[in-house]
C-alpha atoms as a PDB file:
ATOM      1  CA  MET A   1      96.929 104.210 102.498  1.00  0.00           C
ATOM      2  CA  THR A   2      98.532 101.597  99.494  1.00  0.00           C
ATOM      3  CA  MET A   3     101.607 100.545 101.268  1.00  0.00           C
ATOM      4  CA  ILE A   4     102.559  98.345  98.391  1.00  0.00           C
ATOM      5  CA  ASN A   5     101.539  97.411  94.966  1.00  0.00           C
ATOM      6  CA  THR A   6     102.560  95.618  92.563  1.00  0.00           C
ATOM      7  CA  ARG A   7     101.260  95.583  89.232  1.00  0.00           C
ATOM      8  CA  LYS A   8     101.599  92.961  86.650  1.00  0.00           C
ATOM      9  CA  LEU A   9     104.324  91.553  88.743  1.00  0.00           C
ATOM     10  CA  ILE A  10     106.559  88.667  86.419  1.00  0.00           C
ATOM     11  CA  HIS A  11     109.964  87.726  87.942  1.00  0.00           C
ATOM     12  CA  ASP A  12     111.707  84.700  85.204  1.00  0.00           C
ATOM     13  CA  TYR A  13     115.633  83.382  86.729  1.00  0.00           C
ATOM     14  CA  ILE A  14     117.623  83.446  84.039  1.00  0.00           C
ATOM     15  CA  SER A  15     120.339  81.019  83.869  1.00  0.00           C
ATOM     16  CA  LYS A  16     123.095  81.636  81.158  1.00  0.00           C
ATOM     17  CA  ASP A  17     126.292  79.804  79.180  1.00  0.00           C
ATOM     18  CA  ASP A  18     129.459  81.207  80.411  1.00  0.00           C
ATOM     19  CA  GLU A  19     129.346  82.911  77.007  1.00  0.00           C
ATOM     20  CA  GLY A  20     126.256  84.484  77.931  1.00  0.00           C
ATOM     21  CA  ASN A  21     123.852  82.507  75.758  1.00  0.00           C
ATOM     22  CA  VAL A  22     120.103  82.013  78.025  1.00  0.00           C
ATOM     23  CA  GLU A  23     120.371  78.625  78.711  1.00  0.00           C
ATOM     24  CA  SER A  24     116.379  78.097  81.082  1.00  0.00           C
ATOM     25  CA  VAL A  25     114.167  81.009  82.127  1.00  0.00           C
ATOM     26  CA  VAL A  26     112.433  79.748  85.153  1.00  0.00           C
ATOM     27  CA  ARG A  27     109.312  82.116  85.679  1.00  0.00           C
ATOM     28  CA  ALA A  28     109.106  82.316  89.311  1.00  0.00           C
ATOM     29  CA  ILE A  29     105.861  85.268  89.480  1.00  0.00           C
ATOM     30  CA  ASP A  30     103.438  85.275  86.777  1.00  0.00           C
ATOM     31  CA  GLY A  31     101.600  88.284  86.583  1.00  0.00           C
ATOM     32  CA  VAL A  32     101.228  89.170  90.381  1.00  0.00           C
ATOM     33  CA  ASP A  33      98.999  92.303  91.194  1.00  0.00           C
ATOM     34  CA  ILE A  34      98.648  92.985  94.602  1.00  0.00           C
ATOM     35  CA  GLU A  35      97.468  96.031  97.022  1.00  0.00           C
ATOM     36  CA  VAL A  36      98.650  96.068 100.512  1.00  0.00           C
ATOM     37  CA  ASN A  37      97.314  99.083 103.280  1.00  0.00           C
ATOM     38  CA  ALA A  38      99.394 100.330 105.853  1.00  0.00           C
ATOM     39  CA  GLY A  39      98.716  98.912 108.742  1.00  0.00           C
ATOM     40  CA  GLU A  40      97.691  95.790 107.466  1.00  0.00           C
ATOM     41  CA  PHE A  41      98.890  92.049 108.555  1.00  0.00           C
ATOM     42  CA  ILE A  42      99.346  90.094 105.268  1.00  0.00           C
ATOM     43  CA  ALA A  43      99.923  86.372 104.918  1.00  0.00           C
ATOM     44  CA  VAL A  44     101.689  85.090 102.461  1.00  0.00           C
ATOM     45  CA  LEU A  45     101.494  81.019 101.705  1.00  0.00           C
ATOM     46  CA  GLY A  46     102.705  78.498  99.074  1.00  0.00           C
ATOM     47  CA  HIS A  47     104.435  75.185  98.737  1.00  0.00           C
ATOM     48  CA  ASN A  48     108.330  75.459  98.186  1.00  0.00           C
ATOM     49  CA  GLY A  49     108.671  77.086  95.062  1.00  0.00           C
ATOM     50  CA  SER A  50     105.091  78.756  94.547  1.00  0.00           C
ATOM     51  CA  GLY A  51     107.261  82.097  94.182  1.00  0.00           C
ATOM     52  CA  LYS A  52     106.225  83.694  97.891  1.00  0.00           C
ATOM     53  CA  SER A  53     109.918  84.377  98.814  1.00  0.00           C
ATOM     54  CA  THR A  54     110.787  85.594  95.287  1.00  0.00           C
ATOM     55  CA  LEU A  55     108.111  88.056  96.038  1.00  0.00           C
ATOM     56  CA  ALA A  56     108.857  89.157  99.378  1.00  0.00           C
ATOM     57  CA  LYS A  57     112.179  90.063  97.880  1.00  0.00           C
ATOM     58  CA  HIS A  58     110.624  92.281  95.316  1.00  0.00           C
ATOM     59  CA  ILE A  59     108.833  94.338  98.193  1.00  0.00           C
ATOM     60  CA  ASN A  60     112.572  94.969  99.192  1.00  0.00           C
ATOM     61  CA  ALA A  61     114.161  95.465  96.001  1.00  0.00           C
ATOM     62  CA  LEU A  62     116.715  92.664  96.256  1.00  0.00           C
ATOM     63  CA  LEU A  63     115.076  91.629  93.206  1.00  0.00           C
ATOM     64  CA  TYR A  64     113.710  93.996  90.044  1.00  0.00           C
ATOM     65  CA  PRO A  65     110.625  92.875  87.887  1.00  0.00           C
ATOM     66  CA  THR A  66     111.682  91.396  84.622  1.00  0.00           C
ATOM     67  CA  GLU A  67     108.279  92.757  83.627  1.00  0.00           C
ATOM     68  CA  GLY A  68     105.175  95.188  85.536  1.00  0.00           C
ATOM     69  CA  GLU A  69     105.791  96.843  88.942  1.00  0.00           C
ATOM     70  CA  VAL A  70     106.534  97.231  91.979  1.00  0.00           C
ATOM     71  CA  TRP A  71     105.623 100.235  94.536  1.00  0.00           C
ATOM     72  CA  VAL A  72     106.631 100.324  98.224  1.00  0.00           C
ATOM     73  CA  ASP A  73     104.569 103.535  99.891  1.00  0.00           C
ATOM     74  CA  GLY A  74     104.659 105.541  96.191  1.00  0.00           C
ATOM     75  CA  MET A  75     108.042 104.563  94.996  1.00  0.00           C
ATOM     76  CA  ASN A  76     108.865 102.516  92.201  1.00  0.00           C
ATOM     77  CA  THR A  77     112.329  99.616  93.689  1.00  0.00           C
ATOM     78  CA  THR A  78     113.806 100.233  90.110  1.00  0.00           C
ATOM     79  CA  ASP A  79     114.203 103.827  90.422  1.00  0.00           C
ATOM     80  CA  ASP A  80     117.645 103.878  92.124  1.00  0.00           C
ATOM     81  CA  SER A  81     117.325 107.443  93.485  1.00  0.00           C
ATOM     82  CA  HIS A  82     114.967 105.689  95.650  1.00  0.00           C
ATOM     83  CA  LEU A  83     117.279 101.925  96.670  1.00  0.00           C
ATOM     84  CA  TRP A  84     117.854 102.574 100.275  1.00  0.00           C
ATOM     85  CA  ASP A  85     114.324 104.875 101.054  1.00  0.00           C
ATOM     86  CA  ILE A  86     112.657 101.829 100.292  1.00  0.00           C
ATOM     87  CA  ARG A  87     115.478  99.334 102.337  1.00  0.00           C
ATOM     88  CA  GLN A  88     115.000 101.810 105.018  1.00  0.00           C
ATOM     89  CA  GLU A  89     111.015 101.980 104.638  1.00  0.00           C
ATOM     90  CA  ALA A  90     110.460  98.155 103.973  1.00  0.00           C
ATOM     91  CA  GLY A  91     112.373  96.297 106.076  1.00  0.00           C
ATOM     92  CA  MET A  92     113.721  92.499 105.797  1.00  0.00           C
ATOM     93  CA  ILE A  93     113.995  89.398 108.069  1.00  0.00           C
ATOM     94  CA  PHE A  94     114.966  86.447 106.621  1.00  0.00           C
ATOM     95  CA  GLN A  95     114.493  82.531 107.969  1.00  0.00           C
ATOM     96  CA  ASN A  96     118.394  82.264 109.931  1.00  0.00           C
ATOM     97  CA  PRO A  97     118.988  84.959 112.408  1.00  0.00           C
ATOM     98  CA  ASP A  98     122.476  84.173 112.421  1.00  0.00           C
ATOM     99  CA  ASN A  99     122.743  85.972 108.941  1.00  0.00           C
ATOM    100  CA  GLN A 100     121.567  89.156 110.038  1.00  0.00           C
ATOM    101  CA  ILE A 101     122.845  89.367 113.460  1.00  0.00           C
ATOM    102  CA  ILE A 102     126.863  91.165 112.915  1.00  0.00           C
ATOM    103  CA  GLY A 103     127.232  92.427 116.550  1.00  0.00           C
ATOM    104  CA  GLN A 104     129.047  91.225 119.197  1.00  0.00           C
ATOM    105  CA  VAL A 105     126.467  91.906 121.454  1.00  0.00           C
ATOM    106  CA  VAL A 106     123.207  92.113 121.049  1.00  0.00           C
ATOM    107  CA  GLU A 107     122.401  96.090 121.534  1.00  0.00           C
ATOM    108  CA  GLU A 108     125.732  97.169 119.501  1.00  0.00           C
ATOM    109  CA  ASP A 109     124.085  95.179 116.711  1.00  0.00           C
ATOM    110  CA  VAL A 110     120.366  96.444 116.557  1.00  0.00           C
ATOM    111  CA  GLY A 111     122.105  99.922 117.152  1.00  0.00           C
ATOM    112  CA  PHE A 112     124.126  98.804 113.598  1.00  0.00           C
ATOM    113  CA  GLY A 113     121.189 100.055 110.866  1.00  0.00           C
ATOM    114  CA  PRO A 114     120.651 103.192 112.377  1.00  0.00           C
ATOM    115  CA  GLU A 115     124.866 103.694 112.504  1.00  0.00           C
ATOM    116  CA  ASN A 116     124.828 103.482 109.022  1.00  0.00           C
ATOM    117  CA  MET A 117     122.254 105.892 108.190  1.00  0.00           C
ATOM    118  CA  GLY A 118     123.736 108.290 109.871  1.00  0.00           C
ATOM    119  CA  VAL A 119     121.601 108.724 113.229  1.00  0.00           C
ATOM    120  CA  PRO A 120     122.574 111.114 115.568  1.00  0.00           C
ATOM    121  CA  THR A 121     124.247 108.766 118.489  1.00  0.00           C
ATOM    122  CA  ALA A 122     122.341 109.626 121.048  1.00  0.00           C
ATOM    123  CA  GLU A 123     119.083 109.109 118.715  1.00  0.00           C
ATOM    124  CA  ILE A 124     120.703 105.289 117.905  1.00  0.00           C
ATOM    125  CA  TRP A 125     120.131 104.476 121.642  1.00  0.00           C
ATOM    126  CA  GLU A 126     116.950 106.306 122.181  1.00  0.00           C
ATOM    127  CA  ARG A 127     116.297 103.119 119.403  1.00  0.00           C
ATOM    128  CA  VAL A 128     118.292 100.509 120.236  1.00  0.00           C
ATOM    129  CA  GLU A 129     116.624 101.028 123.863  1.00  0.00           C
ATOM    130  CA  GLU A 130     112.302 101.427 121.989  1.00  0.00           C
ATOM    131  CA  SER A 131     113.264  98.451 119.904  1.00  0.00           C
ATOM    132  CA  LEU A 132     114.853  96.221 122.783  1.00  0.00           C
ATOM    133  CA  LYS A 133     111.465  96.917 124.618  1.00  0.00           C
ATOM    134  CA  THR A 134     109.098  96.341 121.742  1.00  0.00           C
ATOM    135  CA  VAL A 135     110.473  93.298 121.731  1.00  0.00           C
ATOM    136  CA  GLY A 136     111.185  91.499 125.007  1.00  0.00           C
ATOM    137  CA  MET A 137     115.071  91.708 124.963  1.00  0.00           C
ATOM    138  CA  TRP A 138     116.251  94.710 126.715  1.00  0.00           C
ATOM    139  CA  GLU A 139     117.203  92.773 129.666  1.00  0.00           C
ATOM    140  CA  TYR A 140     119.359  91.077 127.240  1.00  0.00           C
ATOM    141  CA  ARG A 141     121.070  94.104 125.491  1.00  0.00           C
ATOM    142  CA  LYS A 142     124.423  93.105 127.048  1.00  0.00           C
ATOM    143  CA  LYS A 143     124.662  89.529 126.192  1.00  0.00           C
ATOM    144  CA  SER A 144     126.494  88.051 123.091  1.00  0.00           C
ATOM    145  CA  PRO A 145     123.991  87.089 120.646  1.00  0.00           C
ATOM    146  CA  ASP A 146     125.463  83.649 120.784  1.00  0.00           C
ATOM    147  CA  ARG A 147     124.579  82.987 124.118  1.00  0.00           C
ATOM    148  CA  LEU A 148     120.832  83.129 123.205  1.00  0.00           C
ATOM    149  CA  SER A 149     117.595  81.097 121.839  1.00  0.00           C
ATOM    150  CA  GLY A 150     116.894  80.941 118.412  1.00  0.00           C
ATOM    151  CA  GLY A 151     113.668  82.653 119.085  1.00  0.00           C
ATOM    152  CA  GLN A 152     115.993  85.151 121.320  1.00  0.00           C
ATOM    153  CA  LYS A 153     118.028  85.680 118.087  1.00  0.00           C
ATOM    154  CA  GLN A 154     114.913  86.233 115.796  1.00  0.00           C
ATOM    155  CA  ARG A 155     113.670  89.389 118.279  1.00  0.00           C
ATOM    156  CA  VAL A 156     117.009  90.744 117.954  1.00  0.00           C
ATOM    157  CA  SER A 157     116.801  90.683 114.366  1.00  0.00           C
ATOM    158  CA  ILE A 158     113.522  92.341 114.312  1.00  0.00           C
ATOM    159  CA  ALA A 159     114.602  94.979 116.994  1.00  0.00           C
ATOM    160  CA  GLY A 160     117.157  96.109 114.521  1.00  0.00           C
ATOM    161  CA  VAL A 161     115.279  96.274 111.896  1.00  0.00           C
ATOM    162  CA  ILE A 162     112.741  98.683 113.976  1.00  0.00           C
ATOM    163  CA  ALA A 163     115.607 100.550 114.992  1.00  0.00           C
ATOM    164  CA  MET A 164     115.572 101.877 111.664  1.00  0.00           C
ATOM    165  CA  HIS A 165     112.405 102.678 111.952  1.00  0.00           C
ATOM    166  CA  PRO A 166     110.725 101.187 108.826  1.00  0.00           C
ATOM    167  CA  LYS A 167     106.826 101.433 107.561  1.00  0.00           C
ATOM    168  CA  CYS A 168     106.921  97.853 106.262  1.00  0.00           C
ATOM    169  CA  ILE A 169     108.450  94.478 107.816  1.00  0.00           C
ATOM    170  CA  ILE A 170     108.964  91.785 105.280  1.00  0.00           C
ATOM    171  CA  MET A 171     109.060  87.788 107.268  1.00  0.00           C
ATOM    172  CA  ASP A 172     110.589  85.256 105.081  1.00  0.00           C
ATOM    173  CA  GLU A 173     109.461  82.208 107.036  1.00  0.00           C
ATOM    174  CA  PRO A 174     111.239  83.835 110.091  1.00  0.00           C
ATOM    175  CA  THR A 175     110.164  80.993 112.195  1.00  0.00           C
ATOM    176  CA  ALA A 176     110.925  77.877 109.863  1.00  0.00           C
ATOM    177  CA  MET A 177     114.082  77.049 111.759  1.00  0.00           C
ATOM    178  CA  LEU A 178     112.879  77.844 115.257  1.00  0.00           C
ATOM    179  CA  ASP A 179     111.303  75.120 117.958  1.00  0.00           C
ATOM    180  CA  PRO A 180     107.997  75.814 118.831  1.00  0.00           C
ATOM    181  CA  ALA A 181     109.376  78.278 122.018  1.00  0.00           C
ATOM    182  CA  GLY A 182     110.832  80.408 119.303  1.00  0.00           C
ATOM    183  CA  ARG A 183     108.128  80.062 116.655  1.00  0.00           C
ATOM    184  CA  ARG A 184     105.614  81.798 119.307  1.00  0.00           C
ATOM    185  CA  GLU A 185     108.475  84.545 120.266  1.00  0.00           C
ATOM    186  CA  VAL A 186     108.457  85.776 116.709  1.00  0.00           C
ATOM    187  CA  ILE A 187     104.500  85.470 116.581  1.00  0.00           C
ATOM    188  CA  ARG A 188     103.952  87.369 119.043  1.00  0.00           C
ATOM    189  CA  ALA A 189     107.125  90.123 118.420  1.00  0.00           C
ATOM    190  CA  ALA A 190     105.254  90.534 114.591  1.00  0.00           C
ATOM    191  CA  ARG A 191     101.590  91.083 116.028  1.00  0.00           C
ATOM    192  CA  ALA A 192     102.913  93.343 118.928  1.00  0.00           C
ATOM    193  CA  LEU A 193     104.493  95.689 116.064  1.00  0.00           C
ATOM    194  CA  ASN A 194     100.956  95.531 113.573  1.00  0.00           C
ATOM    195  CA  ASP A 195      98.801  96.075 116.574  1.00  0.00           C
ATOM    196  CA  VAL A 196     101.194  98.601 118.847  1.00  0.00           C
ATOM    197  CA  GLU A 197     102.785  99.921 116.685  1.00  0.00           C
ATOM    198  CA  LYS A 198     100.660  99.498 113.614  1.00  0.00           C
ATOM    199  CA  ILE A 199     103.888  98.598 111.423  1.00  0.00           C
ATOM    200  CA  THR A 200     102.817  96.973 108.708  1.00  0.00           C
ATOM    201  CA  ILE A 201     104.165  93.387 108.107  1.00  0.00           C
ATOM    202  CA  ILE A 202     104.065  90.871 105.571  1.00  0.00           C
ATOM    203  CA  LEU A 203     104.491  87.194 106.497  1.00  0.00           C
ATOM    204  CA  ILE A 204     105.753  84.461 104.563  1.00  0.00           C
ATOM    205  CA  THR A 205     105.005  81.457 105.697  1.00  0.00           C
ATOM    206  CA  HIS A 206     104.175  77.402 105.753  1.00  0.00           C
ATOM    207  CA  ASN A 207     102.858  77.054 109.049  1.00  0.00           C
ATOM    208  CA  MET A 208      99.119  78.006 108.304  1.00  0.00           C
ATOM    209  CA  GLU A 209      98.713  78.700 112.396  1.00  0.00           C
ATOM    210  CA  GLU A 210     100.953  81.843 112.378  1.00  0.00           C
ATOM    211  CA  ALA A 211      98.573  83.022 108.852  1.00  0.00           C
ATOM    212  CA  ILE A 212      95.524  83.215 111.045  1.00  0.00           C
ATOM    213  CA  TYR A 213      96.261  86.424 113.105  1.00  0.00           C
ATOM    214  CA  ALA A 214      96.336  87.900 109.768  1.00  0.00           C
ATOM    215  CA  ASN A 215      93.987  90.371 107.884  1.00  0.00           C
ATOM    216  CA  ARG A 216      93.802  88.776 104.827  1.00  0.00           C
ATOM    217  CA  ILE A 217      95.657  85.781 102.989  1.00  0.00           C
ATOM    218  CA  PHE A 218      97.200  86.139  99.599  1.00  0.00           C
ATOM    219  CA  VAL A 219      97.631  81.753  98.876  1.00  0.00           C
ATOM    220  CA  MET A 220     100.705  81.671  95.739  1.00  0.00           C
ATOM    221  CA  ASP A 221     100.583  78.315  93.510  1.00  0.00           C
ATOM    222  CA  GLN A 222     103.123  78.349  90.327  1.00  0.00           C
ATOM    223  CA  GLY A 223     104.093  82.129  90.875  1.00  0.00           C
ATOM    224  CA  LYS A 224     100.430  83.753  90.803  1.00  0.00           C
ATOM    225  CA  ILE A 225      97.506  84.163  93.351  1.00  0.00           C
ATOM    226  CA  ALA A 226      95.790  80.957  93.311  1.00  0.00           C
ATOM    227  CA  ILE A 227      92.888  82.098  96.590  1.00  0.00           C
ATOM    228  CA  LYS A 228      92.728  85.721  98.914  1.00  0.00           C
ATOM    229  CA  GLY A 229      90.905  86.618 101.340  1.00  0.00           C
ATOM    230  CA  THR A 230      90.110  87.060 105.219  1.00  0.00           C
ATOM    231  CA  PRO A 231      91.284  83.817 107.072  1.00  0.00           C
ATOM    232  CA  ARG A 232      88.299  82.532 107.918  1.00  0.00           C
ATOM    233  CA  GLU A 233      87.365  82.730 103.815  1.00  0.00           C
ATOM    234  CA  VAL A 234      91.001  81.327 102.669  1.00  0.00           C
ATOM    235  CA  PHE A 235      90.944  78.428 105.674  1.00  0.00           C
ATOM    236  CA  SER A 236      87.248  77.267 104.474  1.00  0.00           C
ATOM    237  CA  GLN A 237      88.515  76.304 101.045  1.00  0.00           C
ATOM    238  CA  VAL A 238      89.945  72.969 102.572  1.00  0.00           C
ATOM    239  CA  GLU A 239      89.384  71.126  99.325  1.00  0.00           C
ATOM    240  CA  LYS A 240      91.153  73.252  97.390  1.00  0.00           C
ATOM    241  CA  MET A 241      94.160  73.967  99.829  1.00  0.00           C
ATOM    242  CA  LYS A 242      94.160  70.519  99.716  1.00  0.00           C
ATOM    243  CA  GLU A 243      94.333  70.863  95.292  1.00  0.00           C
ATOM    244  CA  LEU A 244      97.651  73.144  96.297  1.00  0.00           C
ATOM    245  CA  HIS A 245      99.361  71.129  98.783  1.00  0.00           C
ATOM    246  CA  LEU A 246      98.572  72.795 101.709  1.00  0.00           C
ATOM    247  CA  ASP A 247      97.794  72.667 104.802  1.00  0.00           C
ATOM    248  CA  VAL A 248      94.915  74.224 107.011  1.00  0.00           C
ATOM    249  CA  PRO A 249      95.337  74.971 111.014  1.00  0.00           C
ATOM    250  CA  GLU A 250      93.909  72.022 112.999  1.00  0.00           C
ATOM    251  CA  ALA A 251      91.507  73.583 114.322  1.00  0.00           C
ATOM    252  CA  THR A 252      89.979  73.833 110.702  1.00  0.00           C
ATOM    253  CA  GLN A 253      90.907  70.791 109.787  1.00  0.00           C
ATOM    254  CA  LEU A 254      89.235  69.157 112.221  1.00  0.00           C
ATOM    255  CA  ALA A 255      85.791  70.980 111.763  1.00  0.00           C
ATOM    256  CA  TYR A 256      86.258  69.782 108.500  1.00  0.00           C
ATOM    257  CA  GLU A 257      86.131  66.153 108.871  1.00  0.00           C
ATOM    258  CA  LEU A 258      83.307  66.241 111.781  1.00  0.00           C
ATOM    259  CA  LYS A 259      81.278  68.469 109.637  1.00  0.00           C
ATOM    260  CA  LYS A 260      81.289  65.219 106.290  1.00  0.00           C
ATOM    261  CA  ASN A 261      80.403  62.896 109.615  1.00  0.00           C
ATOM    262  CA  GLY A 262      76.908  64.662 109.884  1.00  0.00           C
ATOM    263  CA  ILE A 263      77.928  67.254 112.529  1.00  0.00           C
ATOM    264  CA  PRO A 264      76.538  70.691 112.366  1.00  0.00           C
ATOM    265  CA  LEU A 265      79.481  73.270 112.751  1.00  0.00           C
ATOM    266  CA  PRO A 266      79.781  76.800 111.393  1.00  0.00           C
ATOM    267  CA  GLU A 267      82.318  77.375 108.200  1.00  0.00           C
ATOM    268  CA  GLY A 268      85.713  78.811 108.891  1.00  0.00           C
ATOM    269  CA  ILE A 269      86.645  77.873 112.420  1.00  0.00           C
ATOM    270  CA  LEU A 270      90.225  78.347 113.277  1.00  0.00           C
ATOM    271  CA  THR A 271      91.152  77.941 116.531  1.00  0.00           C
ATOM    272  CA  LYS A 272      90.777  75.163 119.309  1.00  0.00           C
ATOM    273  CA  GLU A 273      88.777  77.592 121.476  1.00  0.00           C
ATOM    274  CA  GLU A 274      86.105  78.180 118.507  1.00  0.00           C
ATOM    275  CA  LEU A 275      86.051  74.447 117.973  1.00  0.00           C
ATOM    276  CA  ALA A 276      85.199  73.856 121.113  1.00  0.00           C
ATOM    277  CA  GLY A 277      83.104  76.796 121.516  1.00  0.00           C
ATOM    278  CA  ALA A 278      81.296  75.374 118.539  1.00  0.00           C
ATOM    279  CA  LEU A 279      80.485  72.031 119.648  1.00  0.00           C
ATOM    280  CA  GLY A 280      79.002  73.645 123.367  1.00  0.00           C
ATOM    281  CA  LEU A 281      82.341  72.124 125.353  1.00  0.00           C
ATOM    282  CA  ARG A 282      83.026  75.927 126.643  1.00  0.00           C
END
């Protein structure tokens, strides 16, 4: 079943003067076609200005197409009658968790979304418990978010989205402001949601190590899809990624350098463990 479908999507950022005259037009998305199936884990990569965050906002109907269409679970994002259904089914996690946390206590914050949806009180607390346990934050339910680490705050943000029972979660560089431990916490939570809960995950990231867990990767450049495929297919194209001013995972880069120096290694090595195995070190 198709969860996300964009058709010839174009988005222009238009700047106007005080009189309403157009001063400039910047094309952020330029004819993007993607299809994401329910239950997939998708990573979207690209350097700053490539259009990946603009694409994320279209999936949550925070932006509307200049041209083309975006469909979320069979609903067109330009159909105002489905706006809240779309935002419920496609939850959004942003870079800074402080921008999403509004409650004074963790459990109150997580319950805020379902409460606004009119969910009965008893069910709200069931959802709060379920969501906090899913991301491993149940023991912190009575704490103030101010007393949590960055990774813990981001997991609370994720719990708040889960409590609204979405079919899809879009994560727009959710680890950009976190330390390595916080990044691992958040990616572990995202993988569990996908593996166990079967929630569709769309991860917008500039961290190549995070993208290796995806089913498929879309690499964006100048508003277009430049490369797409499985992590092995995408990261095997080391030279192409460098042309796009992007890195590849450390193990992939090392394997690439070793192959250039005559050491026979298979294509598509993604992890240090795979590299060690290929070199006969395990």
